[in-house]
Amino acid sequence: MIILGLTGSIGMGKSATASLFRDAGVPVYDADAAVHALYAEGGAAVAPLEEAFPGVSLQGAIDRQKLRTRVLGDPDAMKRLEGIVHPLAGEAQLDFRRRAKEEGAPFAVLDIPLLFETGGNRHCTYTLVVSAPPDIQKARVLARPGMTQDVFESILARQMPDAEKRARADFILSTAHGFDFARDHVRAIISLMNRIASGEAV
């Protein structure tokens, strides 16, 4: 089964692009959703995160804002967080891969924000980077509820520069030209992945 790693910096339109694959019937693993499940009441990450960062849980779930405040700008705290969450998220991803393969999917998409930063691209057949000009990216992000310039810059500091991601990618999709443009490109990629999976193209 072909694995297409989908990534892109904050505000680039990665989640919307993932939805286009999902709407077309392609299995999509959503790393953010997997983490949300780990943070939710009863989630596997709640107890170890509360132990590592006392006070970040509320009513049996992780308060993401409190956790963000505790780790942003603190490399050691971020490493502790990643050391807890990444292995748990990895287990969820392996479960997804097994299910997709058992269901006979020719290819599946891994929607992972920090794909290159965490080395996850090593486990992908191909990679797709979603991109947009910096002014569009900034406008999208700052329009989000509760987002500030400082938080935006802190998030960007953890992410590989867009130019470097594009240089590493097998495919690049621009979200600066509207939804129809992006959908057409996703359809073309799906067609190519299916052809490669069936042996028609290499």
N, C-alpha and C. Protein backbone atom coordinates (compact mmCIF):
# COMPACT_ATOMS: atom_id res chain seq x y z
N MET A 1 0.85 -1.20 0.00
CA MET A 1 0.00 0.00 0.00
C MET A 1 0.88 1.24 0.00
N ILE A 2 0.55 2.18 -0.87
CA ILE A 2 1.30 3.42 -0.95
C ILE A 2 0.88 4.35 0.18
N ILE A 3 1.87 5.00 0.80
CA ILE A 3 1.60 5.97 1.86
C ILE A 3 2.03 7.34 1.37
N LEU A 4 1.08 8.26 1.31
CA LEU A 4 1.35 9.65 0.92
C LEU A 4 1.34 10.51 2.17
N GLY A 5 2.49 11.06 2.51
CA GLY A 5 2.58 11.96 3.66
C GLY A 5 2.17 13.36 3.27
N LEU A 6 1.17 13.89 3.94
CA LEU A 6 0.65 15.24 3.66
C LEU A 6 1.06 16.17 4.79
N THR A 7 1.69 17.29 4.44
CA THR A 7 2.10 18.23 5.48
C THR A 7 2.09 19.64 4.95
N GLY A 8 2.36 20.58 5.83
CA GLY A 8 2.37 22.00 5.48
C GLY A 8 2.36 22.81 6.75
N SER A 9 2.98 23.96 6.71
CA SER A 9 3.05 24.81 7.90
C SER A 9 1.67 25.33 8.27
N ILE A 10 1.57 25.89 9.47
CA ILE A 10 0.29 26.41 9.95
C ILE A 10 -0.27 27.45 8.97
N GLY A 11 -1.58 27.34 8.72
CA GLY A 11 -2.25 28.31 7.87
C GLY A 11 -2.10 28.10 6.38
N MET A 12 -1.49 26.98 5.99
CA MET A 12 -1.26 26.73 4.57
C MET A 12 -2.44 26.05 3.87
N GLY A 13 -3.37 25.50 4.65
CA GLY A 13 -4.52 24.83 4.04
C GLY A 13 -4.41 23.32 4.03
N LYS A 14 -3.55 22.78 4.90
CA LYS A 14 -3.35 21.34 4.95
C LYS A 14 -4.62 20.57 5.31
N SER A 15 -5.33 21.05 6.33
CA SER A 15 -6.53 20.34 6.78
C SER A 15 -7.60 20.32 5.70
N ALA A 16 -7.75 21.45 5.00
CA ALA A 16 -8.73 21.52 3.90
C ALA A 16 -8.34 20.56 2.79
N THR A 17 -7.04 20.46 2.53
CA THR A 17 -6.57 19.54 1.50
C THR A 17 -6.81 18.10 1.91
N ALA A 18 -6.57 17.79 3.18
CA ALA A 18 -6.84 16.44 3.68
C ALA A 18 -8.32 16.09 3.49
N SER A 19 -9.19 17.07 3.69
CA SER A 19 -10.63 16.83 3.52
C SER A 19 -10.97 16.48 2.07
N LEU A 20 -10.24 17.07 1.13
CA LEU A 20 -10.47 16.77 -0.28
C LEU A 20 -10.13 15.30 -0.57
N PHE A 21 -9.05 14.81 0.00
CA PHE A 21 -8.72 13.39 -0.16
C PHE A 21 -9.78 12.52 0.49
N ARG A 22 -10.18 12.91 1.71
CA ARG A 22 -11.18 12.12 2.44
C ARG A 22 -12.51 12.09 1.69
N ASP A 23 -12.91 13.23 1.14
CA ASP A 23 -14.17 13.30 0.37
C ASP A 23 -14.14 12.42 -0.87
N ALA A 24 -12.93 12.18 -1.38
CA ALA A 24 -12.77 11.33 -2.57
C ALA A 24 -12.68 9.85 -2.21
N GLY A 25 -12.82 9.53 -0.92
CA GLY A 25 -12.83 8.15 -0.49
C GLY A 25 -11.48 7.57 -0.11
N VAL A 26 -10.47 8.43 -0.03
CA VAL A 26 -9.13 7.98 0.35
C VAL A 26 -9.02 7.94 1.87
N PRO A 27 -8.51 6.84 2.45
CA PRO A 27 -8.31 6.81 3.90
C PRO A 27 -7.30 7.88 4.32
N VAL A 28 -7.65 8.67 5.32
CA VAL A 28 -6.77 9.75 5.78
C VAL A 28 -6.58 9.63 7.29
N TYR A 29 -5.32 9.58 7.70
CA TYR A 29 -4.99 9.60 9.12
C TYR A 29 -4.76 11.05 9.52
N ASP A 30 -5.50 11.53 10.50
CA ASP A 30 -5.41 12.91 10.97
C ASP A 30 -4.64 12.92 12.29
N ALA A 31 -3.38 13.35 12.22
CA ALA A 31 -2.54 13.34 13.42
C ALA A 31 -3.10 14.25 14.50
N ASP A 32 -3.64 15.42 14.11
CA ASP A 32 -4.20 16.33 15.10
C ASP A 32 -5.40 15.70 15.81
N ALA A 33 -6.26 15.01 15.04
CA ALA A 33 -7.42 14.36 15.64
C ALA A 33 -6.98 13.24 16.58
N ALA A 34 -5.91 12.54 16.21
CA ALA A 34 -5.40 11.48 17.07
C ALA A 34 -4.92 12.05 18.39
N VAL A 35 -4.24 13.20 18.33
CA VAL A 35 -3.77 13.84 19.56
C VAL A 35 -4.94 14.34 20.40
N HIS A 36 -5.96 14.90 19.72
CA HIS A 36 -7.16 15.34 20.45
C HIS A 36 -7.77 14.18 21.23
N ALA A 37 -7.81 13.01 20.60
CA ALA A 37 -8.38 11.83 21.26
C ALA A 37 -7.52 11.43 22.47
N LEU A 38 -6.21 11.57 22.33
CA LEU A 38 -5.32 11.25 23.44
C LEU A 38 -5.50 12.23 24.60
N TYR A 39 -5.85 13.49 24.27
CA TYR A 39 -6.04 14.53 25.28
C TYR A 39 -7.44 14.52 25.90
N ALA A 40 -8.38 13.88 25.24
CA ALA A 40 -9.77 13.90 25.69
C ALA A 40 -9.96 13.07 26.96
N GLU A 41 -11.10 13.22 27.60
CA GLU A 41 -11.40 12.46 28.81
C GLU A 41 -11.23 10.97 28.55
N GLY A 42 -10.43 10.31 29.36
CA GLY A 42 -10.16 8.90 29.16
C GLY A 42 -9.03 8.62 28.20
N GLY A 43 -8.45 9.66 27.59
CA GLY A 43 -7.38 9.49 26.63
C GLY A 43 -6.10 9.01 27.28
N ALA A 44 -5.30 8.29 26.51
CA ALA A 44 -4.10 7.66 27.06
C ALA A 44 -3.03 8.65 27.49
N ALA A 45 -3.10 9.89 26.99
CA ALA A 45 -2.06 10.88 27.33
C ALA A 45 -2.41 11.71 28.57
N VAL A 46 -3.64 11.63 29.04
CA VAL A 46 -4.07 12.53 30.12
C VAL A 46 -3.25 12.33 31.39
N ALA A 47 -3.16 11.12 31.87
CA ALA A 47 -2.45 10.86 33.13
C ALA A 47 -0.95 11.19 33.05
N PRO A 48 -0.23 10.71 32.01
CA PRO A 48 1.20 11.04 31.96
C PRO A 48 1.48 12.53 31.77
N LEU A 49 0.61 13.24 31.05
CA LEU A 49 0.82 14.68 30.87
C LEU A 49 0.54 15.44 32.16
N GLU A 50 -0.46 15.02 32.89
CA GLU A 50 -0.76 15.68 34.17
C GLU A 50 0.39 15.44 35.15
N GLU A 51 0.97 14.27 35.08
CA GLU A 51 2.10 13.96 35.96
C GLU A 51 3.32 14.82 35.59
N ALA A 52 3.54 14.99 34.27
CA ALA A 52 4.70 15.76 33.81
C ALA A 52 4.49 17.27 33.96
N PHE A 53 3.23 17.70 33.80
CA PHE A 53 2.90 19.13 33.85
C PHE A 53 1.68 19.32 34.76
N PRO A 54 1.87 19.25 36.06
CA PRO A 54 0.73 19.33 36.99
C PRO A 54 -0.13 20.56 36.74
N GLY A 55 -1.46 20.33 36.70
CA GLY A 55 -2.39 21.43 36.53
C GLY A 55 -2.90 21.63 35.11
N VAL A 56 -2.42 20.80 34.16
CA VAL A 56 -2.86 21.01 32.77
C VAL A 56 -4.12 20.22 32.43
N SER A 57 -4.61 19.42 33.37
CA SER A 57 -5.84 18.68 33.10
C SER A 57 -7.02 19.34 33.79
N LEU A 58 -8.19 19.17 33.21
CA LEU A 58 -9.42 19.74 33.75
C LEU A 58 -10.54 18.75 33.50
N GLN A 59 -11.17 18.29 34.57
CA GLN A 59 -12.27 17.33 34.49
C GLN A 59 -11.89 16.09 33.67
N GLY A 60 -10.69 15.59 33.92
CA GLY A 60 -10.27 14.35 33.28
C GLY A 60 -9.74 14.47 31.87
N ALA A 61 -9.61 15.69 31.37
CA ALA A 61 -9.09 15.89 30.02
C ALA A 61 -7.98 16.95 30.07
N ILE A 62 -7.15 16.98 29.04
CA ILE A 62 -6.08 17.96 28.98
C ILE A 62 -6.62 19.29 28.45
N ASP A 63 -6.34 20.36 29.18
CA ASP A 63 -6.68 21.71 28.73
C ASP A 63 -5.56 22.15 27.79
N ARG A 64 -5.83 22.15 26.49
CA ARG A 64 -4.78 22.40 25.50
C ARG A 64 -4.16 23.79 25.65
N GLN A 65 -4.97 24.77 26.05
CA GLN A 65 -4.44 26.12 26.22
C GLN A 65 -3.45 26.16 27.38
N LYS A 66 -3.80 25.51 28.48
CA LYS A 66 -2.87 25.45 29.62
C LYS A 66 -1.58 24.73 29.24
N LEU A 67 -1.73 23.64 28.50
CA LEU A 67 -0.55 22.88 28.10
C LEU A 67 0.33 23.71 27.16
N ARG A 68 -0.30 24.39 26.22
CA ARG A 68 0.45 25.24 25.29
C ARG A 68 1.24 26.30 26.05
N THR A 69 0.59 26.92 27.04
CA THR A 69 1.26 27.95 27.83
C THR A 69 2.48 27.40 28.56
N ARG A 70 2.37 26.14 29.00
CA ARG A 70 3.46 25.53 29.76
C ARG A 70 4.67 25.18 28.89
N VAL A 71 4.45 24.88 27.61
CA VAL A 71 5.55 24.35 26.80
C VAL A 71 6.11 25.32 25.76
N LEU A 72 5.29 26.29 25.30
CA LEU A 72 5.78 27.19 24.27
C LEU A 72 6.95 28.02 24.80
N GLY A 73 8.01 28.05 24.01
CA GLY A 73 9.19 28.82 24.40
C GLY A 73 10.10 28.09 25.37
N ASP A 74 9.77 26.83 25.70
CA ASP A 74 10.58 26.05 26.63
C ASP A 74 10.96 24.74 25.94
N PRO A 75 12.14 24.69 25.31
CA PRO A 75 12.54 23.50 24.55
C PRO A 75 12.53 22.21 25.37
N ASP A 76 12.94 22.28 26.63
CA ASP A 76 12.96 21.08 27.47
C ASP A 76 11.55 20.56 27.73
N ALA A 77 10.63 21.50 28.00
CA ALA A 77 9.25 21.11 28.23
C ALA A 77 8.64 20.51 26.97
N MET A 78 8.99 21.10 25.81
CA MET A 78 8.48 20.59 24.55
C MET A 78 8.98 19.16 24.30
N LYS A 79 10.23 18.91 24.65
CA LYS A 79 10.78 17.56 24.47
C LYS A 79 10.06 16.56 25.37
N ARG A 80 9.75 16.98 26.61
CA ARG A 80 9.02 16.08 27.51
C ARG A 80 7.63 15.79 26.94
N LEU A 81 6.98 16.82 26.44
CA LEU A 81 5.65 16.65 25.85
C LEU A 81 5.71 15.68 24.67
N GLU A 82 6.66 15.91 23.76
CA GLU A 82 6.76 15.06 22.58
C GLU A 82 7.13 13.63 22.96
N GLY A 83 7.94 13.48 24.01
CA GLY A 83 8.32 12.14 24.46
C GLY A 83 7.14 11.33 24.96
N ILE A 84 6.11 12.02 25.44
CA ILE A 84 4.90 11.35 25.92
C ILE A 84 3.92 11.11 24.77
N VAL A 85 3.69 12.15 23.97
CA VAL A 85 2.62 12.10 22.97
C VAL A 85 3.00 11.33 21.70
N HIS A 86 4.23 11.52 21.22
CA HIS A 86 4.60 10.92 19.93
C HIS A 86 4.49 9.39 19.92
N PRO A 87 4.95 8.68 20.95
CA PRO A 87 4.79 7.22 20.92
C PRO A 87 3.32 6.79 20.91
N LEU A 88 2.49 7.49 21.66
CA LEU A 88 1.06 7.16 21.69
C LEU A 88 0.40 7.43 20.34
N ALA A 89 0.77 8.56 19.72
CA ALA A 89 0.23 8.88 18.40
C ALA A 89 0.73 7.88 17.36
N GLY A 90 1.96 7.41 17.55
CA GLY A 90 2.52 6.42 16.63
C GLY A 90 1.72 5.13 16.64
N GLU A 91 1.27 4.73 17.82
CA GLU A 91 0.44 3.52 17.92
C GLU A 91 -0.87 3.70 17.17
N ALA A 92 -1.47 4.90 17.28
CA ALA A 92 -2.72 5.18 16.59
C ALA A 92 -2.51 5.14 15.07
N GLN A 93 -1.36 5.64 14.63
CA GLN A 93 -1.06 5.65 13.19
C GLN A 93 -0.88 4.23 12.66
N LEU A 94 -0.19 3.39 13.42
CA LEU A 94 -0.01 2.00 12.99
C LEU A 94 -1.35 1.28 12.89
N ASP A 95 -2.26 1.55 13.82
CA ASP A 95 -3.61 0.97 13.76
C ASP A 95 -4.32 1.41 12.48
N PHE A 96 -4.18 2.70 12.14
CA PHE A 96 -4.80 3.22 10.92
C PHE A 96 -4.24 2.51 9.69
N ARG A 97 -2.93 2.38 9.63
CA ARG A 97 -2.30 1.72 8.46
C ARG A 97 -2.80 0.29 8.31
N ARG A 98 -2.90 -0.43 9.42
CA ARG A 98 -3.37 -1.82 9.37
C ARG A 98 -4.80 -1.89 8.84
N ARG A 99 -5.65 -0.99 9.34
CA ARG A 99 -7.04 -1.01 8.90
C ARG A 99 -7.16 -0.70 7.40
N ALA A 100 -6.41 0.32 6.95
CA ALA A 100 -6.47 0.70 5.54
C ALA A 100 -6.00 -0.45 4.64
N LYS A 101 -4.94 -1.13 5.07
CA LYS A 101 -4.41 -2.24 4.28
C LYS A 101 -5.40 -3.39 4.26
N GLU A 102 -5.99 -3.70 5.41
CA GLU A 102 -6.97 -4.79 5.48
C GLU A 102 -8.19 -4.51 4.61
N GLU A 103 -8.53 -3.22 4.48
CA GLU A 103 -9.69 -2.84 3.66
C GLU A 103 -9.36 -2.77 2.18
N GLY A 104 -8.09 -3.03 1.83
CA GLY A 104 -7.71 -3.08 0.43
C GLY A 104 -7.47 -1.74 -0.24
N ALA A 105 -7.22 -0.70 0.54
CA ALA A 105 -6.97 0.61 -0.06
C ALA A 105 -5.65 0.59 -0.83
N PRO A 106 -5.66 1.11 -2.08
CA PRO A 106 -4.41 1.15 -2.85
C PRO A 106 -3.40 2.12 -2.27
N PHE A 107 -3.92 3.19 -1.64
CA PHE A 107 -3.02 4.13 -0.97
C PHE A 107 -3.77 4.85 0.13
N ALA A 108 -3.00 5.40 1.07
CA ALA A 108 -3.60 6.13 2.18
C ALA A 108 -2.78 7.39 2.44
N VAL A 109 -3.41 8.35 3.08
CA VAL A 109 -2.78 9.64 3.35
C VAL A 109 -2.53 9.79 4.85
N LEU A 110 -1.32 10.23 5.19
CA LEU A 110 -1.01 10.57 6.58
C LEU A 110 -0.94 12.08 6.68
N ASP A 111 -1.91 12.68 7.33
CA ASP A 111 -1.97 14.14 7.53
C ASP A 111 -1.23 14.46 8.82
N ILE A 112 0.04 14.90 8.68
CA ILE A 112 0.90 15.12 9.85
C ILE A 112 1.56 16.49 9.75
N PRO A 113 1.24 17.41 10.66
CA PRO A 113 1.80 18.77 10.60
C PRO A 113 3.32 18.81 10.62
N LEU A 114 3.95 18.03 11.50
CA LEU A 114 5.40 18.05 11.64
C LEU A 114 6.03 16.81 11.00
N LEU A 115 5.61 16.50 9.80
CA LEU A 115 6.05 15.28 9.11
C LEU A 115 7.57 15.24 8.94
N PHE A 116 8.14 16.30 8.39
CA PHE A 116 9.59 16.33 8.17
C PHE A 116 10.35 16.55 9.48
N GLU A 117 9.78 17.39 10.34
CA GLU A 117 10.45 17.73 11.59
C GLU A 117 10.65 16.51 12.49
N THR A 118 9.70 15.58 12.45
CA THR A 118 9.78 14.39 13.30
C THR A 118 10.37 13.18 12.57
N GLY A 119 10.72 13.35 11.29
CA GLY A 119 11.26 12.24 10.53
C GLY A 119 10.22 11.28 10.02
N GLY A 120 8.95 11.64 10.13
CA GLY A 120 7.87 10.76 9.68
C GLY A 120 7.88 10.51 8.19
N ASN A 121 8.52 11.38 7.43
CA ASN A 121 8.58 11.21 5.98
C ASN A 121 9.34 9.93 5.60
N ARG A 122 10.19 9.42 6.51
CA ARG A 122 10.93 8.20 6.22
C ARG A 122 10.01 7.00 6.06
N HIS A 123 8.80 7.10 6.61
CA HIS A 123 7.85 6.00 6.56
C HIS A 123 6.79 6.20 5.48
N CYS A 124 7.04 7.16 4.59
CA CYS A 124 6.09 7.47 3.51
C CYS A 124 6.69 7.11 2.16
N THR A 125 5.83 6.70 1.24
CA THR A 125 6.28 6.42 -0.12
C THR A 125 6.54 7.72 -0.87
N TYR A 126 5.62 8.68 -0.70
CA TYR A 126 5.74 10.00 -1.31
C TYR A 126 5.30 11.05 -0.29
N THR A 127 5.70 12.30 -0.53
CA THR A 127 5.27 13.39 0.34
C THR A 127 4.65 14.52 -0.48
N LEU A 128 3.63 15.14 0.10
CA LEU A 128 2.92 16.26 -0.51
C LEU A 128 2.95 17.43 0.46
N VAL A 129 3.48 18.56 0.02
CA VAL A 129 3.51 19.76 0.85
C VAL A 129 2.49 20.76 0.33
N VAL A 130 1.63 21.23 1.24
CA VAL A 130 0.65 22.27 0.93
C VAL A 130 1.26 23.61 1.29
N SER A 131 1.16 24.57 0.38
CA SER A 131 1.86 25.84 0.57
C SER A 131 1.01 27.02 0.12
N ALA A 132 1.38 28.19 0.60
CA ALA A 132 0.74 29.45 0.21
C ALA A 132 1.73 30.58 0.52
N PRO A 133 1.59 31.74 -0.12
CA PRO A 133 2.48 32.86 0.16
C PRO A 133 2.40 33.31 1.62
N PRO A 134 3.48 33.86 2.18
CA PRO A 134 3.52 34.24 3.60
C PRO A 134 2.40 35.19 4.02
N ASP A 135 2.02 36.14 3.16
CA ASP A 135 0.97 37.09 3.55
C ASP A 135 -0.38 36.40 3.70
N ILE A 136 -0.65 35.44 2.83
CA ILE A 136 -1.91 34.68 2.93
C ILE A 136 -1.87 33.79 4.18
N GLN A 137 -0.75 33.15 4.41
CA GLN A 137 -0.59 32.31 5.60
C GLN A 137 -0.84 33.12 6.87
N LYS A 138 -0.21 34.27 6.99
CA LYS A 138 -0.33 35.09 8.19
C LYS A 138 -1.77 35.54 8.40
N ALA A 139 -2.43 35.99 7.34
CA ALA A 139 -3.82 36.46 7.44
C ALA A 139 -4.73 35.33 7.91
N ARG A 140 -4.54 34.14 7.37
CA ARG A 140 -5.37 33.00 7.77
C ARG A 140 -5.19 32.67 9.25
N VAL A 141 -3.93 32.63 9.69
CA VAL A 141 -3.66 32.22 11.07
C VAL A 141 -4.15 33.25 12.08
N LEU A 142 -3.88 34.53 11.81
CA LEU A 142 -4.27 35.57 12.77
C LEU A 142 -5.78 35.76 12.83
N ALA A 143 -6.50 35.21 11.85
CA ALA A 143 -7.97 35.29 11.87
C ALA A 143 -8.57 34.22 12.78
N ARG A 144 -7.75 33.30 13.27
CA ARG A 144 -8.26 32.24 14.13
C ARG A 144 -8.55 32.79 15.53
N PRO A 145 -9.61 32.29 16.16
CA PRO A 145 -9.94 32.76 17.52
C PRO A 145 -8.81 32.51 18.50
N GLY A 146 -8.47 33.53 19.27
CA GLY A 146 -7.46 33.39 20.31
C GLY A 146 -6.02 33.43 19.82
N MET A 147 -5.83 33.55 18.51
CA MET A 147 -4.46 33.56 17.97
C MET A 147 -3.85 34.95 18.09
N THR A 148 -2.57 35.00 18.45
CA THR A 148 -1.84 36.26 18.53
C THR A 148 -0.58 36.17 17.69
N GLN A 149 0.03 37.31 17.43
CA GLN A 149 1.27 37.33 16.67
C GLN A 149 2.36 36.53 17.37
N ASP A 150 2.44 36.66 18.70
CA ASP A 150 3.47 35.95 19.46
C ASP A 150 3.29 34.44 19.37
N VAL A 151 2.04 33.98 19.51
CA VAL A 151 1.78 32.54 19.42
C VAL A 151 2.10 32.04 18.01
N PHE A 152 1.69 32.81 17.01
CA PHE A 152 1.97 32.46 15.62
C PHE A 152 3.47 32.29 15.40
N GLU A 153 4.24 33.24 15.88
CA GLU A 153 5.70 33.18 15.69
C GLU A 153 6.31 32.01 16.46
N SER A 154 5.77 31.70 17.64
CA SER A 154 6.27 30.56 18.41
C SER A 154 6.02 29.25 17.67
N ILE A 155 4.85 29.15 17.06
CA ILE A 155 4.52 27.94 16.29
C ILE A 155 5.42 27.83 15.07
N LEU A 156 5.61 28.94 14.37
CA LEU A 156 6.48 28.93 13.19
C LEU A 156 7.91 28.53 13.54
N ALA A 157 8.36 28.94 14.72
CA ALA A 157 9.73 28.64 15.14
C ALA A 157 9.96 27.14 15.28
N ARG A 158 8.89 26.38 15.54
CA ARG A 158 9.00 24.93 15.69
C ARG A 158 8.90 24.22 14.35
N GLN A 159 8.46 24.93 13.32
CA GLN A 159 8.22 24.30 12.04
C GLN A 159 9.35 24.58 11.06
N MET A 160 9.65 23.61 10.24
CA MET A 160 10.64 23.77 9.19
C MET A 160 10.16 24.84 8.22
N PRO A 161 11.05 25.73 7.74
CA PRO A 161 10.63 26.76 6.79
C PRO A 161 9.92 26.16 5.58
N ASP A 162 8.92 26.87 5.10
CA ASP A 162 8.12 26.38 3.98
C ASP A 162 9.00 26.06 2.77
N ALA A 163 9.99 26.89 2.49
CA ALA A 163 10.85 26.66 1.33
C ALA A 163 11.60 25.33 1.44
N GLU A 164 12.03 25.00 2.64
CA GLU A 164 12.74 23.73 2.83
C GLU A 164 11.79 22.55 2.67
N LYS A 165 10.56 22.69 3.17
CA LYS A 165 9.58 21.62 3.00
C LYS A 165 9.31 21.38 1.51
N ARG A 166 9.14 22.48 0.78
CA ARG A 166 8.86 22.35 -0.65
C ARG A 166 10.03 21.69 -1.38
N ALA A 167 11.25 22.00 -0.94
CA ALA A 167 12.43 21.41 -1.58
C ALA A 167 12.51 19.90 -1.34
N ARG A 168 11.95 19.44 -0.23
CA ARG A 168 12.00 18.02 0.11
C ARG A 168 10.82 17.24 -0.46
N ALA A 169 9.78 17.92 -0.88
CA ALA A 169 8.53 17.26 -1.24
C ALA A 169 8.59 16.60 -2.61
N ASP A 170 7.80 15.53 -2.77
CA ASP A 170 7.60 14.93 -4.08
C ASP A 170 6.54 15.70 -4.86
N PHE A 171 5.55 16.24 -4.13
CA PHE A 171 4.48 17.01 -4.74
C PHE A 171 4.26 18.29 -3.93
N ILE A 172 3.91 19.37 -4.62
CA ILE A 172 3.59 20.64 -3.96
C ILE A 172 2.23 21.10 -4.46
N LEU A 173 1.36 21.48 -3.54
CA LEU A 173 0.04 21.97 -3.90
C LEU A 173 -0.13 23.37 -3.32
N SER A 174 -0.40 24.33 -4.18
CA SER A 174 -0.64 25.70 -3.72
C SER A 174 -2.11 25.89 -3.41
N THR A 175 -2.39 26.46 -2.24
CA THR A 175 -3.78 26.76 -1.87
C THR A 175 -4.10 28.23 -2.04
N ALA A 176 -3.27 28.93 -2.80
CA ALA A 176 -3.45 30.37 -2.99
C ALA A 176 -4.39 30.71 -4.13
N HIS A 177 -4.84 29.68 -4.86
CA HIS A 177 -5.62 29.96 -6.08
C HIS A 177 -7.06 29.48 -6.00
N GLY A 178 -7.53 29.21 -4.80
CA GLY A 178 -8.94 28.85 -4.65
C GLY A 178 -9.17 27.35 -4.52
N PHE A 179 -10.38 27.04 -4.11
CA PHE A 179 -10.76 25.66 -3.78
C PHE A 179 -10.77 24.76 -5.01
N ASP A 180 -11.32 25.26 -6.11
CA ASP A 180 -11.40 24.43 -7.31
C ASP A 180 -10.03 24.03 -7.82
N PHE A 181 -9.08 24.97 -7.76
CA PHE A 181 -7.71 24.70 -8.19
C PHE A 181 -7.12 23.58 -7.33
N ALA A 182 -7.29 23.68 -6.03
CA ALA A 182 -6.76 22.67 -5.12
C ALA A 182 -7.42 21.32 -5.35
N ARG A 183 -8.74 21.31 -5.55
CA ARG A 183 -9.46 20.06 -5.77
C ARG A 183 -8.98 19.37 -7.04
N ASP A 184 -8.76 20.14 -8.11
CA ASP A 184 -8.27 19.55 -9.36
C ASP A 184 -6.90 18.89 -9.16
N HIS A 185 -6.05 19.55 -8.40
CA HIS A 185 -4.72 18.99 -8.15
C HIS A 185 -4.80 17.74 -7.29
N VAL A 186 -5.68 17.73 -6.31
CA VAL A 186 -5.86 16.54 -5.48
C VAL A 186 -6.36 15.38 -6.34
N ARG A 187 -7.29 15.65 -7.23
CA ARG A 187 -7.80 14.59 -8.11
C ARG A 187 -6.69 14.03 -8.98
N ALA A 188 -5.82 14.90 -9.47
CA ALA A 188 -4.70 14.45 -10.31
C ALA A 188 -3.74 13.56 -9.51
N ILE A 189 -3.49 13.95 -8.26
CA ILE A 189 -2.60 13.15 -7.41
C ILE A 189 -3.23 11.80 -7.09
N ILE A 190 -4.52 11.79 -6.81
CA ILE A 190 -5.22 10.53 -6.53
C ILE A 190 -5.13 9.61 -7.74
N SER A 191 -5.35 10.16 -8.92
CA SER A 191 -5.26 9.36 -10.14
C SER A 191 -3.87 8.76 -10.31
N LEU A 192 -2.85 9.56 -10.07
CA LEU A 192 -1.48 9.08 -10.20
C LEU A 192 -1.17 8.01 -9.17
N MET A 193 -1.57 8.22 -7.91
CA MET A 193 -1.31 7.23 -6.87
C MET A 193 -1.99 5.90 -7.21
N ASN A 194 -3.22 5.96 -7.71
CA ASN A 194 -3.93 4.74 -8.08
C ASN A 194 -3.24 4.02 -9.24
N ARG A 195 -2.73 4.80 -10.19
CA ARG A 195 -2.02 4.20 -11.33
C ARG A 195 -0.72 3.54 -10.88
N ILE A 196 -0.01 4.21 -9.97
CA ILE A 196 1.24 3.63 -9.45
C ILE A 196 0.94 2.35 -8.67
N ALA A 197 -0.12 2.39 -7.85
CA ALA A 197 -0.47 1.23 -7.04
C ALA A 197 -0.85 0.03 -7.90
N SER A 198 -1.44 0.31 -9.05
CA SER A 198 -1.87 -0.78 -9.94
C SER A 198 -0.77 -1.20 -10.91
N GLY A 199 0.37 -0.50 -10.86
CA GLY A 199 1.49 -0.84 -11.72
C GLY A 199 1.46 -0.18 -13.08
N GLU A 200 0.52 0.72 -13.30
CA GLU A 200 0.41 1.39 -14.61
C GLU A 200 1.43 2.51 -14.77
N ALA A 201 1.91 3.06 -13.65
CA ALA A 201 2.87 4.14 -13.71
C ALA A 201 3.90 3.96 -12.60
N VAL A 202 5.09 4.46 -12.85
CA VAL A 202 6.14 4.37 -11.84
C VAL A 202 6.83 5.71 -11.72
